[in-house]
Amino acid sequence: MYKVINRFTDLRDGGRYERGDTFPRPGVTVPEERLEELSGCNNRRGIPLIVEQVTFDESPVPEKEEEPAVKKTRKAEKD
């Protein structure tokens, strides 16, 4: 999946995309060469329009062992 970083109208599928939208719309298949075109500067606007979204593994994160509490003290003020 890709995220739209600059709004545009896709002349191939007629879709209008606003910044923050997901590209492509559900049900639309886009060839790899088109994704490269829109994510680079080789398009009519001359700027990247989409970036690949990073997906994170949603595996549970192992719990961290608690470290023993350390008592904080203030240094005595000098007279």
N, C-alpha and C. Protein backbone atom coordinates (compact mmCIF):
# COMPACT_ATOMS: atom_id res chain seq x y z
N MET A 1 0.83 -1.18 0.00
CA MET A 1 0.00 0.00 0.00
C MET A 1 0.88 1.25 0.00
N TYR A 2 0.31 2.30 -0.53
CA TYR A 2 1.03 3.57 -0.62
C TYR A 2 0.20 4.66 0.02
N LYS A 3 0.88 5.70 0.48
CA LYS A 3 0.23 6.85 1.08
C LYS A 3 0.44 8.05 0.17
N VAL A 4 -0.60 8.83 -0.05
CA VAL A 4 -0.52 10.01 -0.91
C VAL A 4 0.14 11.15 -0.12
N ILE A 5 1.20 11.73 -0.71
CA ILE A 5 1.90 12.83 -0.04
C ILE A 5 1.64 14.17 -0.72
N ASN A 6 1.14 14.14 -1.96
CA ASN A 6 0.75 15.35 -2.69
C ASN A 6 -0.53 15.01 -3.45
N ARG A 7 -1.56 15.85 -3.29
CA ARG A 7 -2.84 15.52 -3.93
C ARG A 7 -2.70 15.51 -5.45
N PHE A 8 -3.49 14.64 -6.06
CA PHE A 8 -3.47 14.51 -7.51
C PHE A 8 -4.71 13.78 -7.99
N THR A 9 -4.97 13.90 -9.27
CA THR A 9 -6.02 13.12 -9.93
C THR A 9 -5.32 12.10 -10.80
N ASP A 10 -5.62 10.83 -10.58
CA ASP A 10 -5.00 9.78 -11.37
C ASP A 10 -5.72 9.72 -12.72
N LEU A 11 -5.01 10.07 -13.76
CA LEU A 11 -5.62 10.11 -15.09
C LEU A 11 -5.93 8.73 -15.64
N ARG A 12 -5.39 7.70 -15.03
CA ARG A 12 -5.66 6.34 -15.51
C ARG A 12 -6.90 5.73 -14.89
N ASP A 13 -7.16 6.02 -13.61
CA ASP A 13 -8.37 5.44 -13.00
C ASP A 13 -9.42 6.49 -12.66
N GLY A 14 -9.11 7.78 -12.92
CA GLY A 14 -10.07 8.85 -12.69
C GLY A 14 -10.27 9.20 -11.22
N GLY A 15 -9.50 8.56 -10.35
CA GLY A 15 -9.64 8.82 -8.92
C GLY A 15 -8.94 10.10 -8.49
N ARG A 16 -9.55 10.79 -7.54
CA ARG A 16 -8.92 11.99 -6.96
C ARG A 16 -8.38 11.58 -5.60
N TYR A 17 -7.14 11.92 -5.37
CA TYR A 17 -6.47 11.53 -4.14
C TYR A 17 -5.99 12.76 -3.40
N GLU A 18 -6.32 12.82 -2.13
CA GLU A 18 -5.90 13.91 -1.25
C GLU A 18 -4.73 13.43 -0.40
N ARG A 19 -3.96 14.39 0.10
CA ARG A 19 -2.83 14.06 0.96
C ARG A 19 -3.33 13.22 2.14
N GLY A 20 -2.64 12.11 2.41
CA GLY A 20 -3.01 11.22 3.50
C GLY A 20 -3.86 10.03 3.07
N ASP A 21 -4.41 10.09 1.84
CA ASP A 21 -5.21 8.97 1.34
C ASP A 21 -4.33 7.76 1.09
N THR A 22 -4.96 6.60 1.01
CA THR A 22 -4.27 5.37 0.64
C THR A 22 -4.41 5.19 -0.87
N PHE A 23 -3.30 4.81 -1.52
CA PHE A 23 -3.31 4.57 -2.96
C PHE A 23 -2.88 3.14 -3.20
N PRO A 24 -3.53 2.42 -4.08
CA PRO A 24 -4.73 2.76 -4.84
C PRO A 24 -5.98 2.54 -4.00
N ARG A 25 -7.10 3.01 -4.55
CA ARG A 25 -8.39 2.80 -3.89
C ARG A 25 -8.68 1.31 -3.85
N PRO A 26 -9.52 0.88 -2.90
CA PRO A 26 -9.89 -0.54 -2.84
C PRO A 26 -10.52 -0.99 -4.16
N GLY A 27 -10.11 -2.16 -4.62
CA GLY A 27 -10.65 -2.72 -5.85
C GLY A 27 -9.91 -2.30 -7.11
N VAL A 28 -8.92 -1.40 -6.98
CA VAL A 28 -8.17 -0.94 -8.15
C VAL A 28 -6.79 -1.59 -8.12
N THR A 29 -6.41 -2.19 -9.23
CA THR A 29 -5.09 -2.80 -9.36
C THR A 29 -4.21 -1.88 -10.18
N VAL A 30 -3.01 -1.63 -9.69
CA VAL A 30 -2.09 -0.70 -10.36
C VAL A 30 -0.80 -1.45 -10.68
N PRO A 31 -0.33 -1.37 -11.94
CA PRO A 31 0.92 -2.05 -12.30
C PRO A 31 2.12 -1.43 -11.57
N GLU A 32 3.14 -2.24 -11.35
CA GLU A 32 4.35 -1.80 -10.65
C GLU A 32 4.97 -0.57 -11.32
N GLU A 33 4.97 -0.51 -12.65
CA GLU A 33 5.56 0.64 -13.35
C GLU A 33 4.82 1.94 -13.03
N ARG A 34 3.50 1.85 -12.83
CA ARG A 34 2.72 3.04 -12.47
C ARG A 34 3.05 3.49 -11.05
N LEU A 35 3.23 2.54 -10.14
CA LEU A 35 3.61 2.87 -8.77
C LEU A 35 4.97 3.57 -8.75
N GLU A 36 5.90 3.08 -9.57
CA GLU A 36 7.22 3.72 -9.67
C GLU A 36 7.11 5.13 -10.24
N GLU A 37 6.25 5.30 -11.22
CA GLU A 37 6.04 6.61 -11.84
C GLU A 37 5.50 7.62 -10.82
N LEU A 38 4.48 7.20 -10.07
CA LEU A 38 3.87 8.11 -9.10
C LEU A 38 4.73 8.35 -7.86
N SER A 39 5.60 7.41 -7.53
CA SER A 39 6.45 7.59 -6.36
C SER A 39 7.76 8.29 -6.71
N GLY A 40 8.00 8.51 -7.98
CA GLY A 40 9.20 9.22 -8.41
C GLY A 40 8.85 10.57 -9.03
N CYS A 41 9.78 11.11 -9.79
CA CYS A 41 9.57 12.42 -10.42
C CYS A 41 9.21 12.30 -11.90
N ASN A 42 9.07 11.07 -12.39
CA ASN A 42 8.78 10.84 -13.80
C ASN A 42 7.26 10.76 -14.02
N ASN A 43 6.57 11.86 -13.69
CA ASN A 43 5.13 11.95 -13.90
C ASN A 43 4.83 13.39 -14.33
N ARG A 44 3.59 13.68 -14.68
CA ARG A 44 3.24 15.02 -15.18
C ARG A 44 3.55 16.14 -14.20
N ARG A 45 3.41 15.88 -12.90
CA ARG A 45 3.68 16.90 -11.89
C ARG A 45 5.18 17.08 -11.65
N GLY A 46 5.97 16.05 -11.93
CA GLY A 46 7.42 16.15 -11.74
C GLY A 46 7.88 16.04 -10.30
N ILE A 47 6.98 15.59 -9.41
CA ILE A 47 7.31 15.41 -8.00
C ILE A 47 6.73 14.08 -7.53
N PRO A 48 7.30 13.50 -6.47
CA PRO A 48 6.70 12.27 -5.93
C PRO A 48 5.29 12.56 -5.39
N LEU A 49 4.36 11.69 -5.71
CA LEU A 49 2.98 11.87 -5.28
C LEU A 49 2.57 10.86 -4.22
N ILE A 50 3.27 9.71 -4.17
CA ILE A 50 2.95 8.67 -3.20
C ILE A 50 4.25 8.12 -2.61
N VAL A 51 4.15 7.56 -1.42
CA VAL A 51 5.27 6.84 -0.80
C VAL A 51 4.75 5.52 -0.28
N GLU A 52 5.62 4.53 -0.27
CA GLU A 52 5.22 3.22 0.23
C GLU A 52 5.01 3.28 1.73
N GLN A 53 3.89 2.74 2.19
CA GLN A 53 3.59 2.73 3.61
C GLN A 53 4.35 1.59 4.26
N VAL A 54 4.92 1.89 5.39
CA VAL A 54 5.63 0.88 6.15
C VAL A 54 4.62 0.20 7.07
N THR A 55 4.60 -1.12 7.02
CA THR A 55 3.71 -1.85 7.91
C THR A 55 4.56 -2.50 8.98
N PHE A 56 4.08 -2.46 10.17
CA PHE A 56 4.80 -3.02 11.29
C PHE A 56 4.23 -4.38 11.64
N ASP A 57 5.12 -5.25 12.07
CA ASP A 57 4.70 -6.56 12.54
C ASP A 57 3.91 -6.35 13.82
N GLU A 58 2.71 -6.86 13.88
CA GLU A 58 1.87 -6.64 15.04
C GLU A 58 2.01 -7.74 16.07
N SER A 59 3.15 -8.44 16.05
CA SER A 59 3.40 -9.46 17.06
C SER A 59 3.49 -8.81 18.42
N PRO A 60 3.05 -9.49 19.45
CA PRO A 60 3.14 -8.89 20.77
C PRO A 60 4.60 -8.66 21.16
N VAL A 61 4.85 -7.55 21.78
CA VAL A 61 6.19 -7.21 22.22
C VAL A 61 6.40 -7.89 23.57
N PRO A 62 7.53 -8.60 23.72
CA PRO A 62 7.75 -9.25 25.01
C PRO A 62 7.86 -8.20 26.11
N GLU A 63 7.29 -8.55 27.27
CA GLU A 63 7.32 -7.61 28.38
C GLU A 63 8.73 -7.50 28.92
N LYS A 64 9.09 -6.27 29.28
CA LYS A 64 10.41 -6.00 29.81
C LYS A 64 10.40 -6.30 31.31
N GLU A 65 11.47 -6.93 31.76
CA GLU A 65 11.57 -7.18 33.19
C GLU A 65 11.76 -5.87 33.92
N GLU A 66 11.09 -5.76 35.04
CA GLU A 66 11.21 -4.53 35.82
C GLU A 66 12.57 -4.48 36.49
N GLU A 67 13.17 -3.30 36.42
CA GLU A 67 14.44 -3.11 37.09
C GLU A 67 14.17 -2.70 38.53
N PRO A 68 15.06 -3.07 39.44
CA PRO A 68 14.82 -2.67 40.83
C PRO A 68 14.81 -1.15 40.96
N ALA A 69 13.93 -0.67 41.81
CA ALA A 69 13.81 0.78 42.01
C ALA A 69 15.07 1.30 42.69
N VAL A 70 15.54 2.44 42.23
CA VAL A 70 16.70 3.08 42.82
C VAL A 70 16.22 4.32 43.55
N LYS A 71 16.61 4.43 44.80
CA LYS A 71 16.21 5.59 45.59
C LYS A 71 17.07 6.78 45.20
N LYS A 72 16.41 7.87 44.84
CA LYS A 72 17.13 9.07 44.44
C LYS A 72 17.30 9.96 45.66
N THR A 73 18.49 10.51 45.83
CA THR A 73 18.76 11.40 46.94
C THR A 73 19.34 12.68 46.41
N ARG A 74 19.13 13.76 47.17
CA ARG A 74 19.72 15.03 46.80
C ARG A 74 21.03 15.19 47.53
N LYS A 75 21.96 15.80 46.85
CA LYS A 75 23.24 16.08 47.50
C LYS A 75 23.01 17.21 48.51
N ALA A 76 23.71 17.13 49.61
CA ALA A 76 23.59 18.18 50.63
C ALA A 76 24.15 19.49 50.08
N GLU A 77 23.42 20.56 50.34
CA GLU A 77 23.88 21.85 49.87
C GLU A 77 25.05 22.30 50.73
N LYS A 78 26.02 22.91 50.07
CA LYS A 78 27.19 23.42 50.79
C LYS A 78 26.88 24.79 51.34
N ASP A 79 27.37 25.08 52.56
CA ASP A 79 27.14 26.39 53.20
C ASP A 79 28.05 27.44 52.62
